[in-house]
Protein backbone atom coordinates (compact mmCIF):
# COMPACT_ATOMS: atom_id res chain seq x y z
CA MET A 1 -11.11 109.38 -42.30
CA GLU A 2 -8.63 106.97 -43.65
CA SER A 3 -6.07 105.59 -41.47
CA PRO A 4 -2.20 106.78 -42.01
CA GLY A 5 -0.49 104.34 -44.62
CA PRO A 6 3.25 103.09 -44.37
CA GLY A 7 5.73 105.79 -43.77
CA THR A 8 3.67 108.32 -42.28
CA GLU A 9 4.66 109.19 -38.46
CA ALA A 10 1.80 107.30 -36.97
CA ALA A 11 2.32 104.10 -38.65
CA ALA A 12 6.34 104.41 -38.11
CA ALA A 13 5.92 104.77 -34.39
CA PRO A 14 4.20 101.48 -33.31
CA GLU A 15 5.84 101.87 -29.35
CA PRO A 16 2.73 103.56 -27.86
CA ILE A 17 0.27 100.92 -29.38
CA ILE A 18 2.49 97.86 -28.37
CA ALA A 19 2.63 99.47 -24.72
CA VAL A 20 -1.01 99.48 -24.71
CA LEU A 21 -0.80 95.50 -25.67
CA GLU A 22 1.16 94.78 -22.76
CA GLN A 23 -1.28 96.68 -20.29
CA VAL A 24 -3.81 94.78 -22.04
CA TRP A 25 -2.37 91.30 -21.60
CA ALA A 26 -1.04 92.02 -18.32
CA ALA A 27 -4.88 92.79 -17.24
CA LEU A 28 -5.75 89.54 -18.66
CA ASP A 29 -3.49 87.66 -17.18
CA ALA A 30 -3.85 88.89 -13.85
CA LEU A 31 -7.73 88.45 -14.40
CA GLY A 32 -7.05 85.03 -15.63
CA GLN A 33 -5.07 84.00 -12.27
CA GLN A 34 -7.86 85.27 -10.28
CA LEU A 35 -10.47 83.18 -11.60
CA GLY A 36 -11.52 79.67 -9.98
CA GLU A 37 -12.64 76.48 -12.30
CA GLU A 38 -16.43 77.68 -12.00
CA GLN A 39 -15.74 81.05 -13.41
CA TRP A 40 -13.55 79.97 -16.68
CA LYS A 41 -16.71 77.99 -17.16
CA THR A 42 -19.09 80.98 -16.85
CA PRO A 43 -21.14 81.65 -20.04
CA THR A 44 -20.37 85.24 -21.78
CA ASP A 45 -22.59 87.41 -23.76
CA CYS A 46 -20.91 85.64 -26.90
CA PRO A 47 -23.55 83.18 -27.57
CA GLY A 48 -22.04 79.48 -26.73
CA TRP A 49 -18.77 80.76 -25.60
CA THR A 50 -17.60 80.60 -21.89
CA VAL A 51 -14.97 82.94 -20.33
CA GLN A 52 -11.98 80.47 -21.20
CA ASP A 53 -13.27 80.09 -24.89
CA ASN A 54 -13.21 83.90 -25.19
CA LEU A 55 -9.67 84.13 -23.80
CA ALA A 56 -8.65 81.27 -25.68
CA HIS A 57 -9.84 82.99 -29.04
CA ILE A 58 -7.98 86.00 -27.99
CA ALA A 59 -4.98 84.36 -27.10
CA GLY A 60 -5.18 82.22 -30.63
CA ARG A 61 -5.45 85.16 -32.60
CA GLU A 62 -2.64 86.89 -30.94
CA LEU A 63 -0.31 83.99 -31.84
CA ALA A 64 -1.97 83.74 -35.46
CA LEU A 65 -0.93 87.37 -35.65
CA LEU A 66 2.84 86.64 -34.60
CA GLY A 67 3.20 83.70 -36.59
CA LEU A 68 3.12 81.16 -33.97
CA ARG A 69 -0.17 79.48 -34.81
């Protein structure tokens, strides 16, 4: 199944996706505020990556997509 292309109804209506992304960012923000210093250093299932590394990677990708990095 192919994704909708430009000019289709799904491609022209980003609001639902934006709302979900805002929820995800709010959840990540809330989680990050609850973590202590040691929890930020906790290893994850990604070999060699900590919780901090993962969140920094996610944030960096988003900034790049926005053209801010």
